[in-house]
C-alpha atoms as a PDB file:
ATOM      1  CA  UNK A   1     -87.091 -10.994 288.715  1.00  0.00           C
ATOM      2  CA  UNK A   2     -84.236  -8.891 286.990  1.00  0.00           C
ATOM      3  CA  UNK A   3     -83.770 -11.793 284.376  1.00  0.00           C
ATOM      4  CA  UNK A   4     -87.495 -10.941 283.185  1.00  0.00           C
ATOM      5  CA  UNK A   5     -86.291  -7.364 282.094  1.00  0.00           C
ATOM      6  CA  UNK A   6     -84.904  -7.092 278.610  1.00  0.00           C
ATOM      7  CA  UNK A   7     -82.309  -4.548 278.792  1.00  0.00           C
ATOM      8  CA  UNK A   8     -80.771  -2.225 276.214  1.00  0.00           C
ATOM      9  CA  UNK A   9     -77.881  -0.239 276.265  1.00  0.00           C
ATOM     10  CA  UNK A  10     -79.489   2.929 274.295  1.00  0.00           C
ATOM     11  CA  UNK A  11     -82.562   4.026 272.509  1.00  0.00           C
ATOM     12  CA  UNK A  12     -81.335   3.425 269.177  1.00  0.00           C
ATOM     13  CA  UNK A  13     -80.512  -0.162 270.338  1.00  0.00           C
ATOM     14  CA  UNK A  14     -83.880  -0.579 271.545  1.00  0.00           C
ATOM     15  CA  UNK A  15     -85.934   0.852 269.035  1.00  0.00           C
ATOM     16  CA  UNK A  16     -84.162  -1.020 266.327  1.00  0.00           C
ATOM     17  CA  UNK A  17     -84.986  -4.348 267.959  1.00  0.00           C
ATOM     18  CA  UNK A  18     -88.445  -3.275 268.353  1.00  0.00           C
ATOM     19  CA  UNK A  19     -88.872  -2.293 264.836  1.00  0.00           C
ATOM     20  CA  UNK A  20     -87.147  -5.829 263.346  1.00  0.00           C
ATOM     21  CA  UNK A  21     -89.447  -8.047 265.880  1.00  0.00           C
ATOM     22  CA  UNK A  22     -92.873  -5.783 265.237  1.00  0.00           C
ATOM     23  CA  UNK A  23     -92.282  -5.371 261.497  1.00  0.00           C
ATOM     24  CA  UNK A  24     -95.008  -7.012 259.524  1.00  0.00           C
ATOM     25  CA  UNK A  25     -94.843  -7.801 255.759  1.00  0.00           C
ATOM     26  CA  UNK A  26     -97.554  -5.138 254.764  1.00  0.00           C
ATOM     27  CA  UNK A  27     -94.911  -2.858 256.615  1.00  0.00           C
ATOM     28  CA  UNK A  28     -94.899   0.952 254.657  1.00  0.00           C
ATOM     29  CA  UNK A  29     -94.925   4.015 256.738  1.00  0.00           C
ATOM     30  CA  UNK A  30     -92.573   4.426 259.704  1.00  0.00           C
ATOM     31  CA  UNK A  31     -93.004   7.751 261.481  1.00  0.00           C
ATOM     32  CA  UNK A  32     -90.354   9.252 263.176  1.00  0.00           C
ATOM     33  CA  UNK A  33     -91.673  11.648 265.841  1.00  0.00           C
ATOM     34  CA  UNK A  34     -89.176  13.841 267.205  1.00  0.00           C
ATOM     35  CA  UNK A  35     -86.804  12.498 264.487  1.00  0.00           C
ATOM     36  CA  UNK A  36     -83.856  15.106 265.710  1.00  0.00           C
ATOM     37  CA  UNK A  37     -81.110  14.623 263.172  1.00  0.00           C
ATOM     38  CA  UNK A  38     -82.343  11.607 261.344  1.00  0.00           C
ATOM     39  CA  UNK A  39     -80.212   8.542 263.138  1.00  0.00           C
ATOM     40  CA  UNK A  40     -83.211   6.357 262.668  1.00  0.00           C
ATOM     41  CA  UNK A  41     -83.578   6.453 258.929  1.00  0.00           C
ATOM     42  CA  UNK A  42     -81.394   3.650 258.154  1.00  0.00           C
ATOM     43  CA  UNK A  43     -82.845   1.301 260.252  1.00  0.00           C
ATOM     44  CA  UNK A  44     -86.356   2.343 259.302  1.00  0.00           C
ATOM     45  CA  UNK A  45     -85.495   1.814 255.451  1.00  0.00           C
ATOM     46  CA  UNK A  46     -83.637  -1.198 255.768  1.00  0.00           C
ATOM     47  CA  UNK A  47     -87.231  -2.805 256.427  1.00  0.00           C
ATOM     48  CA  UNK A  48     -88.370  -1.692 253.380  1.00  0.00           C
ATOM     49  CA  UNK A  49     -90.501   1.182 254.615  1.00  0.00           C
ATOM     50  CA  UNK A  50     -91.314   4.808 253.956  1.00  0.00           C
ATOM     51  CA  UNK A  51     -89.071   6.943 256.952  1.00  0.00           C
ATOM     52  CA  UNK A  52     -91.680  10.072 257.569  1.00  0.00           C
ATOM     53  CA  UNK A  53     -89.793  12.538 259.827  1.00  0.00           C
ATOM     54  CA  UNK A  54     -91.559  14.955 262.690  1.00  0.00           C
ATOM     55  CA  UNK A  55     -90.268  17.226 264.971  1.00  0.00           C
ATOM     56  CA  UNK A  56     -91.403  20.064 266.948  1.00  0.00           C
ATOM     57  CA  UNK A  57     -88.105  22.035 265.074  1.00  0.00           C
ATOM     58  CA  UNK A  58     -87.073  21.363 261.947  1.00  0.00           C
ATOM     59  CA  UNK A  59     -83.208  20.315 262.147  1.00  0.00           C
ATOM     60  CA  UNK A  60     -82.707  18.470 258.966  1.00  0.00           C
ATOM     61  CA  UNK A  61     -85.026  19.122 255.525  1.00  0.00           C
ATOM     62  CA  UNK A  62     -86.669  16.138 255.366  1.00  0.00           C
ATOM     63  CA  UNK A  63     -88.566  16.878 258.406  1.00  0.00           C
ATOM     64  CA  UNK A  64     -91.903  17.956 258.984  1.00  0.00           C
ATOM     65  CA  UNK A  65     -93.151  20.327 261.740  1.00  0.00           C
ATOM     66  CA  UNK A  66     -95.796  18.491 263.879  1.00  0.00           C
ATOM     67  CA  UNK A  67     -97.192  20.253 267.198  1.00  0.00           C
ATOM     68  CA  UNK A  68     -98.424  17.440 269.183  1.00  0.00           C
ATOM     69  CA  UNK A  69    -101.087  19.604 270.274  1.00  0.00           C
ATOM     70  CA  UNK A  70    -102.566  19.171 267.056  1.00  0.00           C
ATOM     71  CA  UNK A  71    -103.327  16.455 265.059  1.00  0.00           C
ATOM     72  CA  UNK A  72    -100.477  15.014 262.436  1.00  0.00           C
ATOM     73  CA  UNK A  73    -100.223  17.321 259.534  1.00  0.00           C
ATOM     74  CA  UNK A  74    -102.863  16.991 256.811  1.00  0.00           C
ATOM     75  CA  UNK A  75     -99.979  16.203 254.200  1.00  0.00           C
ATOM     76  CA  UNK A  76     -98.649  13.219 255.958  1.00  0.00           C
ATOM     77  CA  UNK A  77     -99.726   9.766 255.675  1.00  0.00           C
ATOM     78  CA  UNK A  78    -101.111   7.459 258.136  1.00  0.00           C
ATOM     79  CA  UNK A  79     -98.199   5.210 260.036  1.00  0.00           C
ATOM     80  CA  UNK A  80     -97.996   1.304 260.433  1.00  0.00           C
ATOM     81  CA  UNK A  81     -95.254   2.240 263.218  1.00  0.00           C
ATOM     82  CA  UNK A  82     -94.403   5.091 265.020  1.00  0.00           C
ATOM     83  CA  UNK A  83     -91.317   5.919 266.551  1.00  0.00           C
ATOM     84  CA  UNK A  84     -90.966   8.161 269.880  1.00  0.00           C
ATOM     85  CA  UNK A  85     -87.616   8.258 271.594  1.00  0.00           C
ATOM     86  CA  UNK A  86     -87.192  10.590 274.323  1.00  0.00           C
ATOM     87  CA  UNK A  87     -90.312  13.339 273.479  1.00  0.00           C
ATOM     88  CA  UNK A  88     -92.838  12.242 275.748  1.00  0.00           C
ATOM     89  CA  UNK A  89     -91.280  14.595 278.872  1.00  0.00           C
ATOM     90  CA  UNK A  90     -90.869  17.330 276.371  1.00  0.00           C
ATOM     91  CA  UNK A  91     -94.753  17.671 276.289  1.00  0.00           C
ATOM     92  CA  UNK A  92     -96.905  19.853 278.447  1.00  0.00           C
ATOM     93  CA  UNK A  93    -100.047  17.773 277.370  1.00  0.00           C
ATOM     94  CA  UNK A  94     -98.606  14.270 277.074  1.00  0.00           C
ATOM     95  CA  UNK A  95    -101.999  12.958 276.974  1.00  0.00           C
ATOM     96  CA  UNK A  96    -103.210  15.275 274.110  1.00  0.00           C
ATOM     97  CA  UNK A  97     -99.762  14.248 272.431  1.00  0.00           C
ATOM     98  CA  UNK A  98    -100.500  10.506 272.743  1.00  0.00           C
ATOM     99  CA  UNK A  99    -103.898  10.866 271.622  1.00  0.00           C
ATOM    100  CA  UNK A 100    -102.753  12.727 268.624  1.00  0.00           C
ATOM    101  CA  UNK A 101    -100.082  10.108 267.578  1.00  0.00           C
ATOM    102  CA  UNK A 102    -102.883   7.384 268.441  1.00  0.00           C
ATOM    103  CA  UNK A 103    -105.107   9.142 265.700  1.00  0.00           C
ATOM    104  CA  UNK A 104    -102.023   9.331 263.504  1.00  0.00           C
ATOM    105  CA  UNK A 105    -101.557   5.434 263.357  1.00  0.00           C
ATOM    106  CA  UNK A 106    -103.273   2.913 261.593  1.00  0.00           C
ATOM    107  CA  UNK A 107    -105.827   0.205 263.316  1.00  0.00           C
ATOM    108  CA  UNK A 108    -102.945  -2.142 265.120  1.00  0.00           C
ATOM    109  CA  UNK A 109    -100.248   0.229 264.493  1.00  0.00           C
ATOM    110  CA  UNK A 110     -97.337  -0.072 267.224  1.00  0.00           C
ATOM    111  CA  UNK A 111     -95.885   2.785 268.821  1.00  0.00           C
ATOM    112  CA  UNK A 112     -91.931   2.437 270.295  1.00  0.00           C
ATOM    113  CA  UNK A 113     -91.652   4.866 273.078  1.00  0.00           C
ATOM    114  CA  UNK A 114     -88.559   5.532 275.598  1.00  0.00           C
ATOM    115  CA  UNK A 115     -88.922   8.556 277.946  1.00  0.00           C
ATOM    116  CA  UNK A 116     -86.678   9.171 280.827  1.00  0.00           C
ATOM    117  CA  UNK A 117     -87.112   6.796 284.060  1.00  0.00           C
ATOM    118  CA  UNK A 118     -88.026   8.171 287.018  1.00  0.00           C
ATOM    119  CA  UNK A 119     -87.258   5.367 289.270  1.00  0.00           C
ATOM    120  CA  UNK A 120     -83.687   5.023 288.129  1.00  0.00           C
ATOM    121  CA  UNK A 121     -81.226   4.356 290.880  1.00  0.00           C
ATOM    122  CA  UNK A 122     -79.666   7.333 289.982  1.00  0.00           C
ATOM    123  CA  UNK A 123     -83.153   9.634 290.581  1.00  0.00           C
ATOM    124  CA  UNK A 124     -83.664   7.814 293.884  1.00  0.00           C
ATOM    125  CA  UNK A 125     -80.209   8.673 294.984  1.00  0.00           C
ATOM    126  CA  UNK A 126     -80.866  12.357 293.720  1.00  0.00           C
ATOM    127  CA  UNK A 127     -84.224  12.478 295.543  1.00  0.00           C
ATOM    128  CA  UNK A 128     -83.044  10.878 298.692  1.00  0.00           C
ATOM    129  CA  UNK A 129     -80.224  13.587 298.893  1.00  0.00           C
ATOM    130  CA  UNK A 130     -81.322  16.754 297.600  1.00  0.00           C
ATOM    131  CA  UNK A 131     -85.374  16.068 297.339  1.00  0.00           C
ATOM    132  CA  UNK A 132     -85.451  16.356 293.552  1.00  0.00           C
ATOM    133  CA  UNK A 133     -85.217  13.862 290.701  1.00  0.00           C
ATOM    134  CA  UNK A 134     -81.946  13.911 289.072  1.00  0.00           C
ATOM    135  CA  UNK A 135     -83.058  14.823 285.306  1.00  0.00           C
ATOM    136  CA  UNK A 136     -86.563  16.722 286.338  1.00  0.00           C
ATOM    137  CA  UNK A 137     -85.159  19.658 288.311  1.00  0.00           C
ATOM    138  CA  UNK A 138     -85.786  23.378 288.050  1.00  0.00           C
ATOM    139  CA  UNK A 139     -82.469  23.504 285.691  1.00  0.00           C
ATOM    140  CA  UNK A 140     -83.849  20.959 283.191  1.00  0.00           C
ATOM    141  CA  UNK A 141     -86.769  23.192 282.643  1.00  0.00           C
ATOM    142  CA  UNK A 142     -84.222  25.033 280.026  1.00  0.00           C
ATOM    143  CA  UNK A 143     -84.331  21.243 278.252  1.00  0.00           C
ATOM    144  CA  UNK A 144     -87.849  21.114 277.900  1.00  0.00           C
ATOM    145  CA  UNK A 145     -88.103  18.885 280.659  1.00  0.00           C
ATOM    146  CA  UNK A 146     -91.671  19.647 281.733  1.00  0.00           C
ATOM    147  CA  UNK A 147     -93.472  15.887 282.188  1.00  0.00           C
ATOM    148  CA  UNK A 148     -92.214  13.393 284.660  1.00  0.00           C
ATOM    149  CA  UNK A 149     -93.273  10.397 282.934  1.00  0.00           C
ATOM    150  CA  UNK A 150     -93.932   7.543 285.814  1.00  0.00           C
ATOM    151  CA  UNK A 151     -93.968   4.099 284.261  1.00  0.00           C
ATOM    152  CA  UNK A 152     -97.891   3.900 285.853  1.00  0.00           C
ATOM    153  CA  UNK A 153     -98.849   7.282 284.736  1.00  0.00           C
ATOM    154  CA  UNK A 154     -97.487   6.936 281.021  1.00  0.00           C
ATOM    155  CA  UNK A 155     -99.296   3.132 280.685  1.00  0.00           C
ATOM    156  CA  UNK A 156    -102.551   5.218 281.785  1.00  0.00           C
ATOM    157  CA  UNK A 157    -102.320   7.619 279.476  1.00  0.00           C
ATOM    158  CA  UNK A 158    -101.485   5.320 276.375  1.00  0.00           C
ATOM    159  CA  UNK A 159    -104.191   3.097 277.060  1.00  0.00           C
ATOM    160  CA  UNK A 160    -106.702   6.289 277.669  1.00  0.00           C
ATOM    161  CA  UNK A 161    -105.539   7.165 274.029  1.00  0.00           C
ATOM    162  CA  UNK A 162    -106.567   3.326 272.707  1.00  0.00           C
ATOM    163  CA  UNK A 163    -103.290   1.551 273.332  1.00  0.00           C
ATOM    164  CA  UNK A 164    -103.014  -1.709 274.662  1.00  0.00           C
ATOM    165  CA  UNK A 165     -99.088  -2.273 276.293  1.00  0.00           C
ATOM    166  CA  UNK A 166     -97.134  -5.127 274.522  1.00  0.00           C
ATOM    167  CA  UNK A 167     -94.123  -4.644 276.476  1.00  0.00           C
ATOM    168  CA  UNK A 168     -92.156  -2.935 279.072  1.00  0.00           C
ATOM    169  CA  UNK A 169     -87.798  -2.419 278.317  1.00  0.00           C
ATOM    170  CA  UNK A 170     -85.147  -0.983 280.376  1.00  0.00           C
ATOM    171  CA  UNK A 171     -83.220   0.970 278.340  1.00  0.00           C
ATOM    172  CA  UNK A 172     -79.941   3.114 278.649  1.00  0.00           C
ATOM    173  CA  UNK A 173     -77.512   1.107 281.133  1.00  0.00           C
ATOM    174  CA  UNK A 174     -74.476   2.447 279.890  1.00  0.00           C
ATOM    175  CA  UNK A 175     -73.816   3.870 282.928  1.00  0.00           C
ATOM    176  CA  UNK A 176     -73.358   0.519 284.909  1.00  0.00           C
ATOM    177  CA  UNK A 177     -69.986  -0.322 283.422  1.00  0.00           C
ATOM    178  CA  UNK A 178     -68.340   3.175 284.068  1.00  0.00           C
ATOM    179  CA  UNK A 179     -65.037   3.524 285.465  1.00  0.00           C
ATOM    180  CA  UNK A 180     -65.210   5.176 288.610  1.00  0.00           C
ATOM    181  CA  UNK A 181     -62.721   8.002 289.679  1.00  0.00           C
ATOM    182  CA  UNK A 182     -62.200   8.070 293.740  1.00  0.00           C
ATOM    183  CA  UNK A 183     -64.342   6.789 296.665  1.00  0.00           C
ATOM    184  CA  UNK A 184     -67.302   8.955 296.097  1.00  0.00           C
ATOM    185  CA  UNK A 185     -67.758   7.587 292.845  1.00  0.00           C
ATOM    186  CA  UNK A 186     -66.986   4.063 293.708  1.00  0.00           C
ATOM    187  CA  UNK A 187     -69.290   4.071 296.719  1.00  0.00           C
ATOM    188  CA  UNK A 188     -72.347   5.638 294.529  1.00  0.00           C
ATOM    189  CA  UNK A 189     -71.761   2.709 291.846  1.00  0.00           C
ATOM    190  CA  UNK A 190     -72.332   0.116 294.770  1.00  0.00           C
ATOM    191  CA  UNK A 191     -74.921   1.881 295.952  1.00  0.00           C
ATOM    192  CA  UNK A 192     -76.603   1.906 292.676  1.00  0.00           C
ATOM    193  CA  UNK A 193     -76.149  -1.288 292.253  1.00  0.00           C
ATOM    194  CA  UNK A 194     -77.750  -2.542 295.689  1.00  0.00           C
ATOM    195  CA  UNK A 195     -80.639  -0.507 294.512  1.00  0.00           C
ATOM    196  CA  UNK A 196     -81.135  -2.183 291.274  1.00  0.00           C
ATOM    197  CA  UNK A 197     -81.086  -5.792 292.410  1.00  0.00           C
ATOM    198  CA  UNK A 198     -83.436  -5.092 294.948  1.00  0.00           C
ATOM    199  CA  UNK A 199     -85.647  -2.850 292.375  1.00  0.00           C
ATOM    200  CA  UNK A 200     -85.300  -3.993 288.772  1.00  0.00           C
ATOM    201  CA  UNK A 201     -87.015  -1.182 287.412  1.00  0.00           C
ATOM    202  CA  UNK A 202     -84.683   0.752 289.139  1.00  0.00           C
ATOM    203  CA  UNK A 203     -82.438  -0.324 286.409  1.00  0.00           C
ATOM    204  CA  UNK A 204     -81.899   1.999 283.239  1.00  0.00           C
ATOM    205  CA  UNK A 205     -81.732   5.999 282.669  1.00  0.00           C
ATOM    206  CA  UNK A 206     -84.560   5.265 280.677  1.00  0.00           C
ATOM    207  CA  UNK A 207     -87.108   2.931 280.228  1.00  0.00           C
ATOM    208  CA  UNK A 208     -89.216   1.550 276.742  1.00  0.00           C
ATOM    209  CA  UNK A 209     -92.645   0.995 276.158  1.00  0.00           C
ATOM    210  CA  UNK A 210     -94.308  -0.966 272.807  1.00  0.00           C
ATOM    211  CA  UNK A 211     -97.747  -0.448 272.457  1.00  0.00           C
ATOM    212  CA  UNK A 212    -100.716  -1.170 269.970  1.00  0.00           C
ATOM    213  CA  UNK A 213    -103.348   0.657 268.593  1.00  0.00           C
ATOM    214  CA  UNK A 214    -106.685  -0.800 269.442  1.00  0.00           C
ATOM    215  CA  UNK A 215    -109.217   1.609 269.403  1.00  0.00           C
END
């Protein structure tokens, strides 16, 4: 079963791979929602598309502010594709945010999304030992982790927003090859491997979804 899941060491590799896979000859505009410092710009422009960056806070001058509780800014161009990497978990109204992204995409537009994986082995172990998910503790509210993105809920929200799911992938697997220090870390790594062998979707600190706008 694990062989059926595509795995990617980080979000950039996943996003770049999916951009290349789903790009088409008529591609003109790719929106980067949550663009940060613009690390995806080069990948987008390599495809010959216009990179259209958005964020909630302006970190670089090219970025346009977009509060996802609202429709896309009137000055923006409708997009053929959209990148939405590690943003969903920061939304207090994730369904509304996805609906507004759907309205921003052209028909048949493709959304490439990554978000933390609540099913991960690290989250499962932390929940068992401490009663809370590893990446969604009270302290993570400072990072605006306000939505726990369980896969089935995210897929439901996407479908409610007019998308069809094209594929799922495991993202951010670098931790699997980390060097351990001491018996405690070694045993923890072995437990993670055991969980991930039994439950393949427990792999990856994040997961990725590609969805197409159909409504």
